[in-house]
Amino acid sequence: MHADLSRLTFRPERHYSAVVAQQGRVQLDADANEQTAIQLHQVRTLAADLIGRYGGPRDAAGRDKAGFHIDYVGGKLDIDTLHISPGHYYVDGILLDATRPAPGVPVPDEEADEQDTPTPPDYWTYWDQPDAFLDPERDRLPSPAQSPFVVYLNVWERSVNAAEDPALREVALGAAMPDTAARVKVVWQVLPLSLAELAIEDAELSKENVRTAFEKWAQQHSLSSGRLAARSERPDHADEDPCLVRPDARYRGTENQLYRVEVHTGGDAKDATFKWSRENGSVVFPVDELDGTWVQLASLGYDDKLDLDVGDHVELTDTAYSSRLEALPLLRVEELDLPGRRVRLSAEPEPGVGRLPELNPFLRRWDHREGPRRKGRTTSLKGGALPVTEGEWLPLEDGVEVYFAKGGGYRTGDHWLIPARTATGSVEWPADRARRPLLQRPAGITRHLAPLALVKGEEGAVDLRLAFRPLASSLPAADEATLAAEAQARREELAAEDPSHGRSQTTAEAEAAVDGDV
């Protein structure tokens, strides 16, 4: 997640069940975040073990209560769409809620005639689903008349900060406090998938065959095959003040950092690019207005460490493009207008991005300036990002280096986190006994995929969801009789110990009344 973190310490293979705070100790964000991660891992693992890879609830009578039932609606005058039913569904133990929020009721205008506000449907459609932000020009559904297609769920998680959701900011803290805690959001997207991508023929369109083909496809697309290693090596030109950095330190930075190396443009190594941030990509600036290449910001930063400077590379994005995981060109800051809180970028942002205030546009700063220099060679940037070069160590800054394994495949959003520490003069990265850095798969983004329906056009849609019934049910008559007998035996046992215990309430009250009269 893009957040201002010290590091992320949760590792499921360590089998920790809780974080235990100790008195008099410093409390770190990593400890609280690991406790949250442990609980999420336990809950989702339990749900997946009980439910399976995916499934939704039925009631005790077997009636469907699961969400994400798909109805295909062919557009005669309008474009084709899907209706997505409300309710719950689970994918890899992650709860998805397709319930549409009830619309707010505005205060009526006394001067205007009272009019009934139309009530929206209780279902989502393919085009207005909350986290897809689809474009009718390029995201049209395939024609089922030409070939059936599968509808599936793409589920993943992304971080949300106060720039993207201003409601997270506590205004009572004042303008000097940029934000507090960030959030993690479950994103679900209902998307189409052609049979060609599943490598399945029309003659094989049974439920089980489609599910089996989908599982094979999902295994290949849930996580990319790119791998990376990191290390710290003292640069040859290191000449920092020994009062600030130890002479033998391999990491030459003067502050602790959490480096984030993130794939910008996906694909094979020859096409892929990456970017990096020493602040885990958390330095963002809410956008107030766009005017050509000039961008007016709500703030230019709060100190020299978290501000913008000429030469910085920034990514102008918003809620829609963050959810679509599309690589936008990284632009260079060419000029600063400090009194006007404006920056001039090297080019105009992409059409359609950053121009709708309700999508909360913002700039995200990245810290690379140019291609890594290695043995006198400088690599030029591609679209403002660094080209992925496999099979050699690539320097970032201050002795931090990364290595991409050969033969990897990369996707936009894949990322690795590298804590760098001044106390050790090194980076924290797994290594073998010979201290050779180990190649690691991305820390995210993990896609969780599940099939929903096979759309056949006029023939309707074949439901591919799975369902489970509640564990709880009415007690059988035999069990009720057993419980009643056990209760009676217990009453008799207590009566034998205390003769007054087994009397009825009415008898006890009558005797008490007589005693009172006496």
Protein backbone atom coordinates (compact mmCIF):
# COMPACT_ATOMS: atom_id res chain seq x y z
CA MET A 1 0.00 0.00 0.00
CA HIS A 2 1.12 3.59 -0.61
CA ALA A 3 1.37 4.86 2.97
CA ASP A 4 3.98 6.50 5.19
CA LEU A 5 5.19 3.35 6.96
CA SER A 6 8.39 2.39 8.73
CA ARG A 7 8.16 -1.16 7.33
CA LEU A 8 5.77 -4.12 7.00
CA THR A 9 6.71 -7.05 9.24
CA PHE A 10 3.89 -9.58 8.80
CA ARG A 11 5.07 -12.93 7.40
CA PRO A 12 2.50 -15.75 7.46
CA GLU A 13 5.22 -18.42 7.50
CA ARG A 14 6.28 -17.26 10.99
CA HIS A 15 2.88 -18.38 12.41
CA TYR A 16 2.57 -15.52 14.92
CA SER A 17 -0.92 -15.38 16.45
CA ALA A 18 -0.75 -11.97 18.18
CA VAL A 19 1.38 -8.91 18.84
CA VAL A 20 2.05 -8.38 22.56
CA ALA A 21 2.75 -4.82 23.73
CA GLN A 22 5.33 -4.43 26.50
CA GLN A 23 5.34 -1.73 29.16
CA GLY A 24 7.70 1.16 28.74
CA ARG A 25 8.52 0.29 25.13
CA VAL A 26 8.26 2.44 22.04
CA GLN A 27 5.11 1.72 20.04
CA LEU A 28 5.68 1.50 16.28
CA ASP A 29 3.29 1.59 13.35
CA ALA A 30 4.71 -1.76 12.21
CA ASP A 31 3.50 -3.48 15.40
CA ALA A 32 -0.08 -2.24 15.10
CA ASN A 33 -0.15 -3.00 11.38
CA GLU A 34 1.15 -6.53 11.96
CA GLN A 35 -1.61 -7.19 14.52
CA THR A 36 -4.18 -6.13 11.92
CA ALA A 37 -2.51 -8.32 9.29
CA ILE A 38 -2.46 -11.34 11.64
CA GLN A 39 -6.19 -11.00 12.36
CA LEU A 40 -7.07 -10.55 8.69
CA HIS A 41 -4.98 -13.58 7.76
CA GLN A 42 -6.65 -15.74 10.41
CA VAL A 43 -10.19 -14.65 9.54
CA ARG A 44 -9.73 -15.01 5.80
CA THR A 45 -7.96 -18.35 6.11
CA LEU A 46 -10.80 -19.67 8.27
CA ALA A 47 -13.41 -18.41 5.80
CA ALA A 48 -11.56 -19.94 2.85
CA ASP A 49 -11.15 -23.28 4.66
CA LEU A 50 -14.87 -23.44 5.42
CA ILE A 51 -16.23 -21.98 2.18
CA GLY A 52 -13.59 -22.95 -0.36
CA ARG A 53 -12.01 -20.73 -3.02
CA TYR A 54 -15.24 -18.83 -3.55
CA GLY A 55 -18.90 -19.05 -2.62
CA GLY A 56 -21.97 -17.21 -1.40
CA PRO A 57 -24.64 -17.91 1.24
CA ARG A 58 -27.97 -19.71 0.88
CA ASP A 59 -30.56 -19.69 3.63
CA ALA A 60 -31.55 -22.80 5.59
CA ALA A 61 -34.21 -23.63 2.99
CA GLY A 62 -31.70 -23.48 0.16
CA ARG A 63 -32.84 -20.15 -1.30
CA ASP A 64 -30.15 -18.03 -2.96
CA LYS A 65 -28.96 -15.13 -0.79
CA ALA A 66 -25.57 -14.68 -2.45
CA GLY A 67 -24.68 -11.53 -4.30
CA PHE A 68 -23.24 -11.16 -7.80
CA HIS A 69 -25.88 -13.09 -9.69
CA ILE A 70 -25.40 -11.98 -13.31
CA ASP A 71 -28.16 -11.14 -15.79
CA TYR A 72 -27.16 -10.18 -19.31
CA VAL A 73 -29.24 -7.35 -20.78
CA GLY A 74 -28.81 -6.88 -24.52
CA GLY A 75 -29.12 -3.28 -25.58
CA LYS A 76 -31.45 -2.73 -28.52
CA LEU A 77 -31.17 1.05 -28.36
CA ASP A 78 -28.51 1.32 -25.65
CA ILE A 79 -25.27 -0.59 -25.20
CA ASP A 80 -25.27 -4.06 -23.64
CA THR A 81 -24.94 -4.30 -19.89
CA LEU A 82 -25.01 -6.71 -16.95
CA HIS A 83 -27.18 -6.57 -13.86
CA ILE A 84 -25.27 -7.49 -10.68
CA SER A 85 -27.52 -8.62 -7.83
CA PRO A 86 -26.93 -7.32 -4.28
CA GLY A 87 -25.64 -9.53 -1.49
CA HIS A 88 -22.47 -11.09 -0.13
CA TYR A 89 -19.88 -13.31 -1.80
CA TYR A 90 -16.49 -14.61 -0.66
CA VAL A 91 -13.34 -15.01 -2.77
CA ASP A 92 -10.29 -16.54 -1.05
CA GLY A 93 -11.93 -15.69 2.27
CA ILE A 94 -12.37 -12.00 1.38
CA LEU A 95 -15.88 -10.67 1.99
CA LEU A 96 -17.41 -8.79 -0.97
CA ASP A 97 -20.56 -6.76 -0.55
CA ALA A 98 -22.57 -5.86 -3.65
CA THR A 99 -25.29 -4.11 -1.67
CA ARG A 100 -26.01 -0.74 -3.18
CA PRO A 101 -26.05 2.09 -0.58
CA ALA A 102 -29.42 3.74 -0.04
CA PRO A 103 -29.49 7.23 -1.59
CA GLY A 104 -29.63 10.20 0.73
CA VAL A 105 -32.79 12.27 1.01
CA PRO A 106 -32.16 16.00 0.54
CA VAL A 107 -34.02 18.67 2.47
CA PRO A 108 -36.90 19.82 0.24
CA ASP A 109 -36.67 23.22 -1.37
CA GLU A 110 -39.48 25.36 0.03
CA GLU A 111 -39.65 27.54 -3.08
CA ALA A 112 -39.85 24.66 -5.53
CA ASP A 113 -42.70 22.28 -6.12
CA GLU A 114 -42.26 19.05 -4.19
CA GLN A 115 -41.20 16.28 -6.53
CA ASP A 116 -40.61 12.62 -5.91
CA THR A 117 -36.94 11.67 -6.21
CA PRO A 118 -36.61 8.62 -8.45
CA THR A 119 -35.45 5.58 -6.55
CA PRO A 120 -32.43 3.88 -8.14
CA PRO A 121 -32.46 0.10 -8.56
CA ASP A 122 -31.06 -2.05 -5.77
CA TYR A 123 -28.58 -3.71 -8.14
CA TRP A 124 -25.39 -2.52 -9.79
CA THR A 125 -24.87 -2.64 -13.52
CA TYR A 126 -21.76 -3.38 -15.53
CA TRP A 127 -21.34 0.33 -16.28
CA ASP A 128 -21.95 1.87 -12.86
CA GLN A 129 -20.27 -0.70 -10.60
CA PRO A 130 -18.39 1.28 -7.95
CA ASP A 131 -14.75 0.30 -8.54
CA ALA A 132 -14.46 -0.41 -12.26
CA PHE A 133 -14.81 3.07 -13.84
CA LEU A 134 -15.41 1.59 -17.28
CA ASP A 135 -15.16 3.55 -20.51
CA PRO A 136 -18.03 2.90 -23.00
CA GLU A 137 -15.66 3.57 -25.89
CA ARG A 138 -13.26 0.74 -25.10
CA ASP A 139 -14.83 -1.51 -22.46
CA ARG A 140 -17.91 -2.76 -24.29
CA LEU A 141 -19.07 -6.28 -23.56
CA PRO A 142 -18.36 -8.96 -26.20
CA SER A 143 -21.28 -10.03 -28.37
CA PRO A 144 -22.66 -13.36 -27.05
CA ALA A 145 -24.36 -13.84 -30.42
CA GLN A 146 -20.91 -14.31 -31.94
CA SER A 147 -19.39 -16.26 -29.07
CA PRO A 148 -20.31 -16.91 -25.42
CA PHE A 149 -18.11 -15.27 -22.81
CA VAL A 150 -17.39 -15.68 -19.12
CA VAL A 151 -18.09 -12.99 -16.53
CA TYR A 152 -15.72 -13.07 -13.55
CA LEU A 153 -14.74 -11.20 -10.41
CA ASN A 154 -11.39 -9.45 -10.09
CA VAL A 155 -10.72 -8.71 -6.41
CA TRP A 156 -7.74 -6.87 -4.95
CA GLU A 157 -6.89 -4.32 -2.28
CA ARG A 158 -5.48 -0.83 -2.52
CA SER A 159 -4.64 1.92 -0.06
CA VAL A 160 -6.64 5.13 0.22
CA ASN A 161 -5.20 8.32 1.71
CA ALA A 162 -6.68 11.64 2.75
CA ALA A 163 -5.89 13.17 -0.64
CA GLU A 164 -8.16 10.61 -2.30
CA ASP A 165 -10.80 10.61 0.44
CA PRO A 166 -10.88 14.01 2.19
CA ALA A 167 -13.30 12.62 4.81
CA LEU A 168 -10.31 10.83 6.38
CA ARG A 169 -8.72 14.14 7.33
CA GLU A 170 -9.52 15.48 10.80
CA VAL A 171 -9.84 19.21 10.16
CA ALA A 172 -9.73 19.92 13.91
CA LEU A 173 -6.00 19.12 13.81
CA GLY A 174 -5.40 22.16 11.62
CA ALA A 175 -3.69 22.69 8.28
CA ALA A 176 -0.25 21.87 9.71
CA MET A 177 -1.26 18.22 10.17
CA PRO A 178 -1.33 16.62 6.68
CA ASP A 179 -3.25 13.47 7.62
CA THR A 180 -3.41 10.63 10.12
CA ALA A 181 -4.04 6.98 9.27
CA ALA A 182 -4.65 5.63 5.78
CA ARG A 183 -7.18 2.95 4.82
CA VAL A 184 -7.13 -0.28 2.82
CA LYS A 185 -10.06 -0.88 0.49
CA VAL A 186 -11.32 -4.12 -1.05
CA VAL A 187 -11.85 -3.48 -4.76
CA TRP A 188 -14.17 -5.75 -6.74
CA GLN A 189 -14.68 -5.54 -10.47
CA VAL A 190 -17.04 -7.58 -12.65
CA LEU A 191 -15.32 -8.11 -16.01
CA PRO A 192 -15.77 -10.17 -19.20
CA LEU A 193 -13.39 -12.89 -20.39
CA SER A 194 -13.42 -14.51 -23.82
CA LEU A 195 -13.38 -18.27 -24.31
CA ALA A 196 -10.22 -17.86 -26.40
CA GLU A 197 -8.34 -16.60 -23.33
CA LEU A 198 -9.55 -19.65 -21.44
CA ALA A 199 -8.49 -21.96 -24.31
CA ILE A 200 -11.85 -23.70 -24.32
CA GLU A 201 -14.14 -24.62 -27.22
CA ASP A 202 -17.89 -24.04 -27.51
CA ALA A 203 -18.46 -27.78 -27.47
CA GLU A 204 -16.89 -28.00 -23.99
CA LEU A 205 -19.15 -25.48 -22.26
CA SER A 206 -20.27 -27.48 -19.27
CA LYS A 207 -20.11 -25.84 -15.86
CA GLU A 208 -17.28 -28.01 -14.66
CA ASN A 209 -15.21 -27.57 -17.83
CA VAL A 210 -15.56 -23.79 -17.69
CA ARG A 211 -14.69 -23.69 -13.98
CA THR A 212 -11.64 -25.93 -14.54
CA ALA A 213 -10.41 -23.80 -17.44
CA PHE A 214 -10.96 -20.65 -15.40
CA GLU A 215 -8.94 -22.01 -12.45
CA LYS A 216 -5.97 -22.68 -14.75
CA TRP A 217 -6.23 -19.16 -16.15
CA ALA A 218 -6.56 -17.65 -12.67
CA GLN A 219 -3.41 -19.38 -11.40
CA GLN A 220 -1.43 -17.67 -14.16
CA HIS A 221 -2.92 -14.22 -13.58
CA SER A 222 -3.29 -13.89 -9.81
CA LEU A 223 0.38 -12.94 -9.27
CA SER A 224 3.09 -12.01 -11.76
CA SER A 225 6.25 -14.04 -12.32
CA GLY A 226 8.67 -11.14 -11.84
CA ARG A 227 11.23 -11.54 -9.05
CA LEU A 228 13.55 -9.01 -7.45
CA ALA A 229 16.40 -8.90 -4.95
CA ALA A 230 17.87 -5.91 -3.11
CA ARG A 231 21.14 -5.12 -1.40
CA SER A 232 23.26 -2.20 -0.23
CA GLU A 233 26.76 -1.66 -1.60
CA ARG A 234 29.04 1.22 -0.63
CA PRO A 235 29.41 3.40 -3.77
CA ASP A 236 32.91 4.10 -5.02
CA HIS A 237 32.28 7.85 -4.83
CA ALA A 238 31.01 7.81 -1.22
CA ASP A 239 32.50 10.82 0.56
CA GLU A 240 29.85 11.77 3.11
CA ASP A 241 30.70 13.41 6.41
CA PRO A 242 31.76 10.56 8.75
CA CYS A 243 29.89 12.38 11.54
CA LEU A 244 26.63 11.67 9.65
CA VAL A 245 27.32 8.30 8.02
CA ARG A 246 29.69 5.60 9.24
CA PRO A 247 32.66 5.15 6.89
CA ASP A 248 31.93 1.41 6.55
CA ALA A 249 28.17 1.82 5.98
CA ARG A 250 26.94 0.25 2.76
CA TYR A 251 23.72 2.26 2.90
CA ARG A 252 24.87 5.88 2.71
CA GLY A 253 21.61 7.64 3.46
CA THR A 254 21.34 9.84 6.53
CA GLU A 255 17.75 8.80 7.36
CA ASN A 256 15.83 5.55 7.70
CA GLN A 257 13.73 4.95 4.59
CA LEU A 258 11.22 2.46 3.19
CA TYR A 259 12.03 2.20 -0.50
CA ARG A 260 9.26 1.13 -2.83
CA VAL A 261 10.14 -0.30 -6.24
CA GLU A 262 6.97 -0.47 -8.33
CA VAL A 263 6.32 -1.65 -11.87
CA HIS A 264 4.91 1.22 -13.92
CA THR A 265 4.32 -0.32 -17.35
CA GLY A 266 3.81 -4.08 -17.39
CA GLY A 267 4.85 -6.70 -19.91
CA ASP A 268 8.06 -8.55 -20.69
CA ALA A 269 11.36 -7.03 -19.61
CA LYS A 270 11.88 -5.31 -22.97
CA ASP A 271 8.63 -3.36 -22.50
CA ALA A 272 8.35 -3.06 -18.71
CA THR A 273 9.36 0.02 -16.73
CA PHE A 274 9.59 0.78 -13.02
CA LYS A 275 9.70 3.71 -10.63
CA TRP A 276 10.84 4.06 -7.06
CA SER A 277 10.17 6.14 -3.96
CA ARG A 278 12.12 6.44 -0.75
CA GLU A 279 8.84 7.23 1.10
CA ASN A 280 6.87 4.16 -0.09
CA GLY A 281 5.06 6.35 -2.63
CA SER A 282 3.19 8.15 0.15
CA VAL A 283 4.04 11.76 -0.82
CA VAL A 284 0.90 13.09 -2.51
CA PHE A 285 -0.59 16.50 -3.26
CA PRO A 286 -4.35 17.06 -3.77
CA VAL A 287 -5.12 18.86 -7.03
CA ASP A 288 -7.46 21.86 -7.02
CA GLU A 289 -7.40 22.81 -10.70
CA LEU A 290 -5.78 21.99 -14.06
CA ASP A 291 -4.87 24.63 -16.64
CA GLY A 292 -2.86 23.14 -19.49
CA THR A 293 0.51 22.16 -18.06
CA TRP A 294 -0.08 24.15 -14.88
CA VAL A 295 -1.51 22.30 -11.86
CA GLN A 296 -2.82 24.16 -8.84
CA LEU A 297 -2.41 22.18 -5.62
CA ALA A 298 -4.03 22.38 -2.21
CA SER A 299 -0.51 22.43 -0.74
CA LEU A 300 3.08 22.22 -1.94
CA GLY A 301 4.15 20.13 1.04
CA TYR A 302 4.84 20.56 4.71
CA ASP A 303 8.65 20.48 4.89
CA ASP A 304 11.73 20.11 2.70
CA LYS A 305 11.45 16.32 2.82
CA LEU A 306 7.84 16.08 1.69
CA ASP A 307 7.61 18.90 -0.86
CA LEU A 308 8.06 19.22 -4.61
CA ASP A 309 11.12 20.49 -6.43
CA VAL A 310 12.07 21.16 -10.03
CA GLY A 311 13.15 17.89 -11.62
CA ASP A 312 10.86 15.65 -9.58
CA HIS A 313 8.78 13.12 -11.49
CA VAL A 314 5.10 13.01 -10.59
CA GLU A 315 2.08 10.93 -11.52
CA LEU A 316 -1.22 12.75 -11.91
CA THR A 317 -3.96 10.27 -11.07
CA ASP A 318 -7.37 10.02 -9.43
CA THR A 319 -9.72 7.42 -7.94
CA ALA A 320 -10.70 6.04 -11.35
CA TYR A 321 -7.19 5.50 -12.67
CA SER A 322 -5.98 4.13 -9.33
CA SER A 323 -8.72 1.49 -9.53
CA ARG A 324 -8.11 0.71 -13.20
CA LEU A 325 -4.36 0.11 -12.58
CA GLU A 326 -3.42 1.88 -15.79
CA ALA A 327 0.07 3.28 -16.33
CA LEU A 328 -0.07 7.02 -16.96
CA PRO A 329 2.96 8.99 -18.23
CA LEU A 330 5.20 10.25 -15.44
CA LEU A 331 5.66 14.00 -15.88
CA ARG A 332 8.57 16.19 -14.79
CA VAL A 333 8.16 19.26 -12.61
CA GLU A 334 9.57 22.14 -14.69
CA GLU A 335 8.63 25.20 -12.64
CA LEU A 336 7.25 26.12 -9.21
CA ASP A 337 4.94 29.02 -8.35
CA LEU A 338 5.11 28.97 -4.55
CA PRO A 339 2.72 31.89 -3.77
CA GLY A 340 0.09 30.45 -6.12
CA ARG A 341 0.66 26.82 -5.01
CA ARG A 342 1.14 25.84 -8.67
CA VAL A 343 3.57 23.64 -10.57
CA ARG A 344 4.24 23.50 -14.30
CA LEU A 345 4.65 20.01 -15.71
CA SER A 346 6.64 18.86 -18.73
CA ALA A 347 3.44 18.00 -20.65
CA GLU A 348 -0.31 18.17 -20.29
CA PRO A 349 -1.86 15.28 -18.35
CA GLU A 350 -3.70 12.56 -20.23
CA PRO A 351 -7.20 13.57 -21.41
CA GLY A 352 -9.88 12.54 -18.95
CA VAL A 353 -7.64 12.21 -15.90
CA GLY A 354 -7.65 14.70 -13.05
CA ARG A 355 -10.46 16.87 -14.40
CA LEU A 356 -13.40 15.62 -12.31
CA PRO A 357 -13.30 16.96 -8.72
CA GLU A 358 -15.53 14.13 -7.46
CA LEU A 359 -12.72 11.68 -8.37
CA ASN A 360 -10.29 13.56 -6.06
CA PRO A 361 -7.28 14.00 -8.39
CA PHE A 362 -3.82 14.21 -6.85
CA LEU A 363 -0.12 14.20 -7.73
CA ARG A 364 2.06 11.37 -6.43
CA ARG A 365 5.77 12.08 -6.22
CA TRP A 366 8.38 9.53 -7.26
CA ASP A 367 12.06 9.96 -6.40
CA HIS A 368 13.99 8.68 -9.42
CA ARG A 369 15.48 11.43 -11.57
CA GLU A 370 17.06 9.59 -14.48
CA GLY A 371 18.22 6.17 -15.56
CA PRO A 372 20.72 4.42 -13.26
CA ARG A 373 24.37 5.09 -14.00
CA ARG A 374 26.46 1.96 -14.14
CA LYS A 375 30.06 1.72 -15.36
CA GLY A 376 29.85 5.04 -17.15
CA ARG A 377 26.55 4.17 -18.90
CA THR A 378 23.31 6.12 -18.38
CA THR A 379 19.94 4.61 -19.24
CA SER A 380 17.36 7.04 -20.62
CA LEU A 381 13.83 7.12 -19.25
CA LYS A 382 10.81 5.63 -21.01
CA GLY A 383 7.64 7.62 -20.39
CA GLY A 384 9.28 9.13 -17.33
CA ALA A 385 10.01 5.72 -15.78
CA LEU A 386 13.09 3.50 -15.64
CA PRO A 387 13.41 0.55 -18.04
CA VAL A 388 13.52 -2.89 -16.43
CA THR A 389 16.95 -4.43 -17.02
CA GLU A 390 17.20 -8.05 -15.98
CA GLY A 391 20.27 -9.93 -14.82
CA GLU A 392 22.31 -7.04 -13.37
CA TRP A 393 22.35 -4.87 -10.27
CA LEU A 394 20.74 -1.46 -10.79
CA PRO A 395 21.62 1.35 -8.35
CA LEU A 396 18.86 3.53 -6.94
CA GLU A 397 20.61 5.91 -4.54
CA ASP A 398 22.88 5.95 -1.48
CA GLY A 399 24.14 2.42 -2.15
CA VAL A 400 20.71 0.78 -2.51
CA GLU A 401 20.63 -1.59 -5.51
CA VAL A 402 18.00 -3.89 -7.02
CA TYR A 403 18.24 -6.94 -9.28
CA PHE A 404 15.49 -8.22 -11.59
CA ALA A 405 15.66 -11.96 -12.31
CA LYS A 406 15.76 -13.01 -15.95
CA GLY A 407 12.63 -14.22 -17.72
CA GLY A 408 10.12 -12.36 -15.57
CA GLY A 409 6.70 -11.05 -16.50
CA TYR A 410 5.56 -7.80 -14.95
CA ARG A 411 2.24 -6.06 -14.30
CA THR A 412 1.41 -2.48 -13.43
CA GLY A 413 1.28 -2.17 -9.66
CA ASP A 414 3.66 -5.03 -8.79
CA HIS A 415 5.92 -3.73 -6.03
CA TRP A 416 8.62 -4.62 -3.53
CA LEU A 417 9.43 -2.86 -0.22
CA ILE A 418 13.03 -2.34 0.94
CA PRO A 419 13.66 -0.95 4.45
CA ALA A 420 17.00 0.92 4.69
CA ARG A 421 18.44 1.56 8.16
CA THR A 422 21.19 3.93 9.28
CA ALA A 423 21.87 1.91 12.48
CA THR A 424 23.15 -1.04 10.44
CA GLY A 425 24.22 0.91 7.36
CA SER A 426 22.36 -1.63 5.26
CA VAL A 427 18.97 -2.69 3.90
CA GLU A 428 16.75 -5.38 5.37
CA TRP A 429 16.34 -8.15 2.81
CA PRO A 430 16.20 -11.97 3.06
CA ALA A 431 19.53 -13.69 2.38
CA ASP A 432 21.02 -17.18 2.52
CA ARG A 433 23.80 -18.30 4.87
CA ALA A 434 26.39 -16.91 2.48
CA ARG A 435 24.59 -13.54 2.72
CA ARG A 436 23.51 -13.67 -0.88
CA PRO A 437 20.21 -11.76 -1.39
CA LEU A 438 17.25 -13.99 -2.18
CA LEU A 439 14.93 -13.30 -5.10
CA GLN A 440 11.41 -12.44 -3.94
CA ARG A 441 8.05 -12.31 -5.70
CA PRO A 442 6.16 -9.01 -5.47
CA ALA A 443 4.68 -8.01 -2.12
CA GLY A 444 1.52 -7.20 -4.15
CA ILE A 445 -0.75 -6.62 -5.93
CA THR A 446 -2.43 -10.02 -5.55
CA ARG A 447 -5.51 -10.55 -7.69
CA HIS A 448 -8.23 -12.88 -6.40
CA LEU A 449 -10.30 -14.22 -9.29
CA ALA A 450 -13.61 -16.11 -9.37
CA PRO A 451 -16.05 -17.03 -12.19
CA LEU A 452 -19.61 -15.72 -11.98
CA ALA A 453 -21.48 -16.67 -15.15
CA LEU A 454 -21.25 -17.95 -18.70
CA VAL A 455 -23.20 -15.54 -20.89
CA LYS A 456 -24.89 -17.12 -23.90
CA GLY A 457 -27.02 -14.20 -25.09
CA GLU A 458 -30.68 -15.01 -25.72
CA GLU A 459 -30.18 -18.38 -24.04
CA GLY A 460 -29.47 -16.53 -20.82
CA ALA A 461 -26.51 -16.84 -18.46
CA VAL A 462 -25.29 -20.04 -16.82
CA ASP A 463 -24.62 -19.40 -13.14
CA LEU A 464 -21.06 -20.41 -12.21
CA ARG A 465 -21.19 -19.32 -8.59
CA LEU A 466 -20.95 -21.75 -5.69
CA ALA A 467 -23.08 -21.56 -2.55
CA PHE A 468 -23.04 -22.76 1.06
CA ARG A 469 -25.75 -23.10 3.70
CA PRO A 470 -25.50 -21.81 7.29
CA LEU A 471 -23.97 -24.14 9.84
CA ALA A 472 -26.67 -23.38 12.42
CA SER A 473 -30.11 -25.00 12.14
CA SER A 474 -33.10 -25.96 14.32
CA LEU A 475 -32.52 -28.64 16.92
CA PRO A 476 -33.91 -32.05 15.91
CA ALA A 477 -36.81 -33.35 18.01
CA ALA A 478 -34.65 -36.14 19.41
CA ASP A 479 -32.10 -33.61 20.64
CA GLU A 480 -34.84 -31.49 22.23
CA ALA A 481 -36.11 -34.53 24.15
CA THR A 482 -32.59 -35.33 25.32
CA LEU A 483 -32.03 -31.76 26.51
CA ALA A 484 -35.38 -31.76 28.35
CA ALA A 485 -34.50 -35.04 30.10
CA GLU A 486 -31.10 -33.66 31.12
CA ALA A 487 -32.74 -30.53 32.52
CA GLN A 488 -35.27 -32.59 34.53
CA ALA A 489 -32.49 -34.79 35.91
CA ARG A 490 -30.59 -31.72 36.99
CA ARG A 491 -33.65 -30.30 38.76
CA GLU A 492 -34.17 -33.58 40.61
CA GLU A 493 -30.54 -33.65 41.64
CA LEU A 494 -30.77 -30.12 43.04
CA ALA A 495 -34.06 -30.97 44.80
CA ALA A 496 -32.39 -33.90 46.55
CA GLU A 497 -29.69 -31.60 47.86
CA ASP A 498 -32.15 -28.80 48.83
CA PRO A 499 -35.78 -29.89 49.32
CA SER A 500 -37.02 -26.31 48.92
CA HIS A 501 -35.32 -25.92 45.51
CA GLY A 502 -37.73 -28.02 43.51
CA ARG A 503 -40.94 -26.35 44.64
CA SER A 504 -42.88 -24.29 42.18
CA GLN A 505 -42.78 -20.52 42.37
CA THR A 506 -46.50 -20.40 43.19
CA THR A 507 -46.11 -22.74 46.20
CA ALA A 508 -43.16 -20.81 47.55
CA GLU A 509 -45.06 -17.50 47.25
CA ALA A 510 -48.13 -18.96 49.04
CA GLU A 511 -46.04 -20.24 51.94
CA ALA A 512 -44.30 -16.87 52.18
CA ALA A 513 -47.71 -15.15 52.34
CA VAL A 514 -48.88 -17.43 55.21
CA ASP A 515 -45.69 -16.79 57.15
CA GLY A 516 -46.26 -13.09 56.73
CA ASP A 517 -49.80 -13.26 58.10
CA VAL A 518 -48.56 -15.07 61.17
